[in-house]
Amino acid sequence: MPASGRGGQWRNHRQVINAILFKLRTGAPWRDLPERYGPWKTAHERLRK
């Protein structure tokens, strides 16, 4: 079956969970997440889902 061409590889789950926990713990805006957590949009989308 051919690939659909959608999506990509998931970012490390632990990194995303830590980003979400950092956000909830500090109350900082999403855009202020430290770079070590990866793109803020990834963590935000994962939390929304």
PDB file of N, CA and C in Angstrom:
ATOM      1  N   MET A   1       0.852  -1.177   0.000  1.00  0.00           N
ATOM      2  CA  MET A   1       0.000   0.000   0.000  1.00  0.00           C
ATOM      3  C   MET A   1       0.900   1.242   0.000  1.00  0.00           C
ATOM      4  N   PRO A   2       0.656   2.218  -0.864  1.00  0.00           N
ATOM      5  CA  PRO A   2       1.505   3.408  -0.923  1.00  0.00           C
ATOM      6  C   PRO A   2       1.307   4.295   0.304  1.00  0.00           C
ATOM      7  N   ALA A   3       2.369   4.997   0.646  1.00  0.00           N
ATOM      8  CA  ALA A   3       2.301   5.914   1.777  1.00  0.00           C
ATOM      9  C   ALA A   3       1.399   7.089   1.424  1.00  0.00           C
ATOM     10  N   SER A   4       0.690   7.596   2.397  1.00  0.00           N
ATOM     11  CA  SER A   4      -0.253   8.693   2.147  1.00  0.00           C
ATOM     12  C   SER A   4       0.460  10.031   1.989  1.00  0.00           C
ATOM     13  N   GLY A   5       1.719  10.109   2.443  1.00  0.00           N
ATOM     14  CA  GLY A   5       2.452  11.362   2.342  1.00  0.00           C
ATOM     15  C   GLY A   5       2.129  12.338   3.462  1.00  0.00           C
ATOM     16  N   ARG A   6       1.281  11.927   4.382  1.00  0.00           N
ATOM     17  CA  ARG A   6       0.915  12.810   5.483  1.00  0.00           C
ATOM     18  C   ARG A   6       1.800  12.579   6.688  1.00  0.00           C
ATOM     19  N   GLY A   7       1.943  13.620   7.463  1.00  0.00           N
ATOM     20  CA  GLY A   7       2.619  13.505   8.745  1.00  0.00           C
ATOM     21  C   GLY A   7       4.109  13.278   8.636  1.00  0.00           C
ATOM     22  N   GLY A   8       4.680  12.973   9.756  1.00  0.00           N
ATOM     23  CA  GLY A   8       6.108  12.732   9.825  1.00  0.00           C
ATOM     24  C   GLY A   8       6.391  11.911  11.056  1.00  0.00           C
ATOM     25  N   GLN A   9       7.611  11.968  11.485  1.00  0.00           N
ATOM     26  CA  GLN A   9       7.993  11.212  12.658  1.00  0.00           C
ATOM     27  C   GLN A   9       7.638  11.992  13.916  1.00  0.00           C
ATOM     28  N   TRP A  10       7.142  11.290  14.922  1.00  0.00           N
ATOM     29  CA  TRP A  10       6.778  11.932  16.180  1.00  0.00           C
ATOM     30  C   TRP A  10       8.026  12.381  16.918  1.00  0.00           C
ATOM     31  N   ARG A  11       7.902  13.507  17.582  1.00  0.00           N
ATOM     32  CA  ARG A  11       8.980  13.983  18.453  1.00  0.00           C
ATOM     33  C   ARG A  11       8.977  13.097  19.697  1.00  0.00           C
ATOM     34  N   ASN A  12      10.094  13.022  20.349  1.00  0.00           N
ATOM     35  CA  ASN A  12      10.250  12.235  21.569  1.00  0.00           C
ATOM     36  C   ASN A  12       9.116  12.563  22.550  1.00  0.00           C
ATOM     37  N   HIS A  13       8.362  11.542  22.946  1.00  0.00           N
ATOM     38  CA  HIS A  13       7.213  11.743  23.842  1.00  0.00           C
ATOM     39  C   HIS A  13       7.630  12.370  25.167  1.00  0.00           C
ATOM     40  N   ARG A  14       8.751  11.928  25.698  1.00  0.00           N
ATOM     41  CA  ARG A  14       9.203  12.466  26.984  1.00  0.00           C
ATOM     42  C   ARG A  14       9.484  13.962  26.878  1.00  0.00           C
ATOM     43  N   GLN A  15      10.075  14.375  25.768  1.00  0.00           N
ATOM     44  CA  GLN A  15      10.387  15.788  25.558  1.00  0.00           C
ATOM     45  C   GLN A  15       9.097  16.616  25.495  1.00  0.00           C
ATOM     46  N   VAL A  16       8.100  16.110  24.811  1.00  0.00           N
ATOM     47  CA  VAL A  16       6.831  16.836  24.691  1.00  0.00           C
ATOM     48  C   VAL A  16       6.109  16.883  26.031  1.00  0.00           C
ATOM     49  N   ILE A  17       6.084  15.775  26.743  1.00  0.00           N
ATOM     50  CA  ILE A  17       5.431  15.750  28.057  1.00  0.00           C
ATOM     51  C   ILE A  17       6.128  16.709  29.013  1.00  0.00           C
ATOM     52  N   ASN A  18       7.447  16.729  28.993  1.00  0.00           N
ATOM     53  CA  ASN A  18       8.188  17.669  29.844  1.00  0.00           C
ATOM     54  C   ASN A  18       7.874  19.114  29.471  1.00  0.00           C
ATOM     55  N   ALA A  19       7.698  19.387  28.182  1.00  0.00           N
ATOM     56  CA  ALA A  19       7.345  20.742  27.745  1.00  0.00           C
ATOM     57  C   ALA A  19       5.973  21.133  28.290  1.00  0.00           C
ATOM     58  N   ILE A  20       5.018  20.216  28.209  1.00  0.00           N
ATOM     59  CA  ILE A  20       3.675  20.489  28.712  1.00  0.00           C
ATOM     60  C   ILE A  20       3.709  20.711  30.223  1.00  0.00           C
ATOM     61  N   LEU A  21       4.454  19.882  30.921  1.00  0.00           N
ATOM     62  CA  LEU A  21       4.554  20.035  32.377  1.00  0.00           C
ATOM     63  C   LEU A  21       5.233  21.349  32.752  1.00  0.00           C
ATOM     64  N   PHE A  22       6.255  21.740  32.000  1.00  0.00           N
ATOM     65  CA  PHE A  22       6.928  23.016  32.239  1.00  0.00           C
ATOM     66  C   PHE A  22       5.924  24.159  32.096  1.00  0.00           C
ATOM     67  N   LYS A  23       5.143  24.107  31.030  1.00  0.00           N
ATOM     68  CA  LYS A  23       4.138  25.152  30.765  1.00  0.00           C
ATOM     69  C   LYS A  23       3.126  25.225  31.899  1.00  0.00           C
ATOM     70  N   LEU A  24       2.611  24.080  32.325  1.00  0.00           N
ATOM     71  CA  LEU A  24       1.605  24.065  33.384  1.00  0.00           C
ATOM     72  C   LEU A  24       2.190  24.485  34.730  1.00  0.00           C
ATOM     73  N   ARG A  25       3.438  24.092  34.981  1.00  0.00           N
ATOM     74  CA  ARG A  25       4.088  24.403  36.261  1.00  0.00           C
ATOM     75  C   ARG A  25       4.416  25.891  36.384  1.00  0.00           C
ATOM     76  N   THR A  26       4.888  26.496  35.280  1.00  0.00           N
ATOM     77  CA  THR A  26       5.355  27.883  35.347  1.00  0.00           C
ATOM     78  C   THR A  26       4.296  28.895  34.938  1.00  0.00           C
ATOM     79  N   GLY A  27       3.328  28.465  34.121  1.00  0.00           N
ATOM     80  CA  GLY A  27       2.328  29.409  33.630  1.00  0.00           C
ATOM     81  C   GLY A  27       2.867  30.307  32.532  1.00  0.00           C
ATOM     82  N   ALA A  28       4.028  29.973  32.007  1.00  0.00           N
ATOM     83  CA  ALA A  28       4.640  30.780  30.942  1.00  0.00           C
ATOM     84  C   ALA A  28       3.860  30.626  29.643  1.00  0.00           C
ATOM     85  N   PRO A  29       3.893  31.631  28.787  1.00  0.00           N
ATOM     86  CA  PRO A  29       3.258  31.490  27.475  1.00  0.00           C
ATOM     87  C   PRO A  29       3.946  30.388  26.666  1.00  0.00           C
ATOM     88  N   TRP A  30       3.200  29.775  25.752  1.00  0.00           N
ATOM     89  CA  TRP A  30       3.768  28.695  24.941  1.00  0.00           C
ATOM     90  C   TRP A  30       5.028  29.144  24.218  1.00  0.00           C
ATOM     91  N   ARG A  31       5.025  30.347  23.714  1.00  0.00           N
ATOM     92  CA  ARG A  31       6.173  30.827  22.932  1.00  0.00           C
ATOM     93  C   ARG A  31       7.439  30.982  23.772  1.00  0.00           C
ATOM     94  N   ASP A  32       7.303  30.973  25.082  1.00  0.00           N
ATOM     95  CA  ASP A  32       8.460  31.123  25.962  1.00  0.00           C
ATOM     96  C   ASP A  32       9.049  29.791  26.425  1.00  0.00           C
ATOM     97  N   LEU A  33       8.621  28.681  25.843  1.00  0.00           N
ATOM     98  CA  LEU A  33       9.207  27.385  26.212  1.00  0.00           C
ATOM     99  C   LEU A  33      10.685  27.372  25.849  1.00  0.00           C
ATOM    100  N   PRO A  34      11.543  26.857  26.720  1.00  0.00           N
ATOM    101  CA  PRO A  34      12.961  26.746  26.390  1.00  0.00           C
ATOM    102  C   PRO A  34      13.174  25.842  25.166  1.00  0.00           C
ATOM    103  N   GLU A  35      14.223  26.107  24.423  1.00  0.00           N
ATOM    104  CA  GLU A  35      14.525  25.357  23.201  1.00  0.00           C
ATOM    105  C   GLU A  35      14.719  23.869  23.449  1.00  0.00           C
ATOM    106  N   ARG A  36      15.140  23.494  24.655  1.00  0.00           N
ATOM    107  CA  ARG A  36      15.401  22.076  24.930  1.00  0.00           C
ATOM    108  C   ARG A  36      14.144  21.215  24.811  1.00  0.00           C
ATOM    109  N   TYR A  37      12.967  21.847  24.827  1.00  0.00           N
ATOM    110  CA  TYR A  37      11.714  21.110  24.692  1.00  0.00           C
ATOM    111  C   TYR A  37      11.241  21.006  23.251  1.00  0.00           C
ATOM    112  N   GLY A  38      11.973  21.577  22.328  1.00  0.00           N
ATOM    113  CA  GLY A  38      11.590  21.523  20.927  1.00  0.00           C
ATOM    114  C   GLY A  38      10.610  22.639  20.585  1.00  0.00           C
ATOM    115  N   PRO A  39      10.012  22.564  19.404  1.00  0.00           N
ATOM    116  CA  PRO A  39       9.086  23.617  18.980  1.00  0.00           C
ATOM    117  C   PRO A  39       7.863  23.706  19.896  1.00  0.00           C
ATOM    118  N   TRP A  40       7.511  24.911  20.290  1.00  0.00           N
ATOM    119  CA  TRP A  40       6.369  25.085  21.195  1.00  0.00           C
ATOM    120  C   TRP A  40       5.078  24.631  20.535  1.00  0.00           C
ATOM    121  N   LYS A  41       4.988  24.757  19.234  1.00  0.00           N
ATOM    122  CA  LYS A  41       3.753  24.372  18.541  1.00  0.00           C
ATOM    123  C   LYS A  41       3.497  22.865  18.659  1.00  0.00           C
ATOM    124  N   THR A  42       4.558  22.086  18.696  1.00  0.00           N
ATOM    125  CA  THR A  42       4.408  20.637  18.826  1.00  0.00           C
ATOM    126  C   THR A  42       3.764  20.288  20.165  1.00  0.00           C
ATOM    127  N   ALA A  43       4.282  20.868  21.247  1.00  0.00           N
ATOM    128  CA  ALA A  43       3.738  20.591  22.577  1.00  0.00           C
ATOM    129  C   ALA A  43       2.305  21.111  22.689  1.00  0.00           C
ATOM    130  N   HIS A  44       2.052  22.260  22.132  1.00  0.00           N
ATOM    131  CA  HIS A  44       0.711  22.843  22.199  1.00  0.00           C
ATOM    132  C   HIS A  44      -0.298  21.970  21.465  1.00  0.00           C
ATOM    133  N   GLU A  45       0.042  21.528  20.281  1.00  0.00           N
ATOM    134  CA  GLU A  45      -0.867  20.662  19.500  1.00  0.00           C
ATOM    135  C   GLU A  45      -1.103  19.338  20.200  1.00  0.00           C
ATOM    136  N   ARG A  46      -0.049  18.754  20.771  1.00  0.00           N
ATOM    137  CA  ARG A  46      -0.192  17.467  21.449  1.00  0.00           C
ATOM    138  C   ARG A  46      -1.093  17.597  22.663  1.00  0.00           C
ATOM    139  N   LEU A  47      -0.987  18.715  23.392  1.00  0.00           N
ATOM    140  CA  LEU A  47      -1.858  18.936  24.548  1.00  0.00           C
ATOM    141  C   LEU A  47      -3.305  19.126  24.094  1.00  0.00           C
ATOM    142  N   ARG A  48      -3.504  19.825  23.000  1.00  0.00           N
ATOM    143  CA  ARG A  48      -4.868  20.037  22.487  1.00  0.00           C
ATOM    144  C   ARG A  48      -5.530  18.714  22.099  1.00  0.00           C
ATOM    145  N   LYS A  49      -4.744  17.798  21.534  1.00  0.00           N
ATOM    146  CA  LYS A  49      -5.296  16.514  21.115  1.00  0.00           C
ATOM    147  C   LYS A  49      -5.595  15.656  22.314  1.00  0.00           C
TER     148      LYS A  49
END
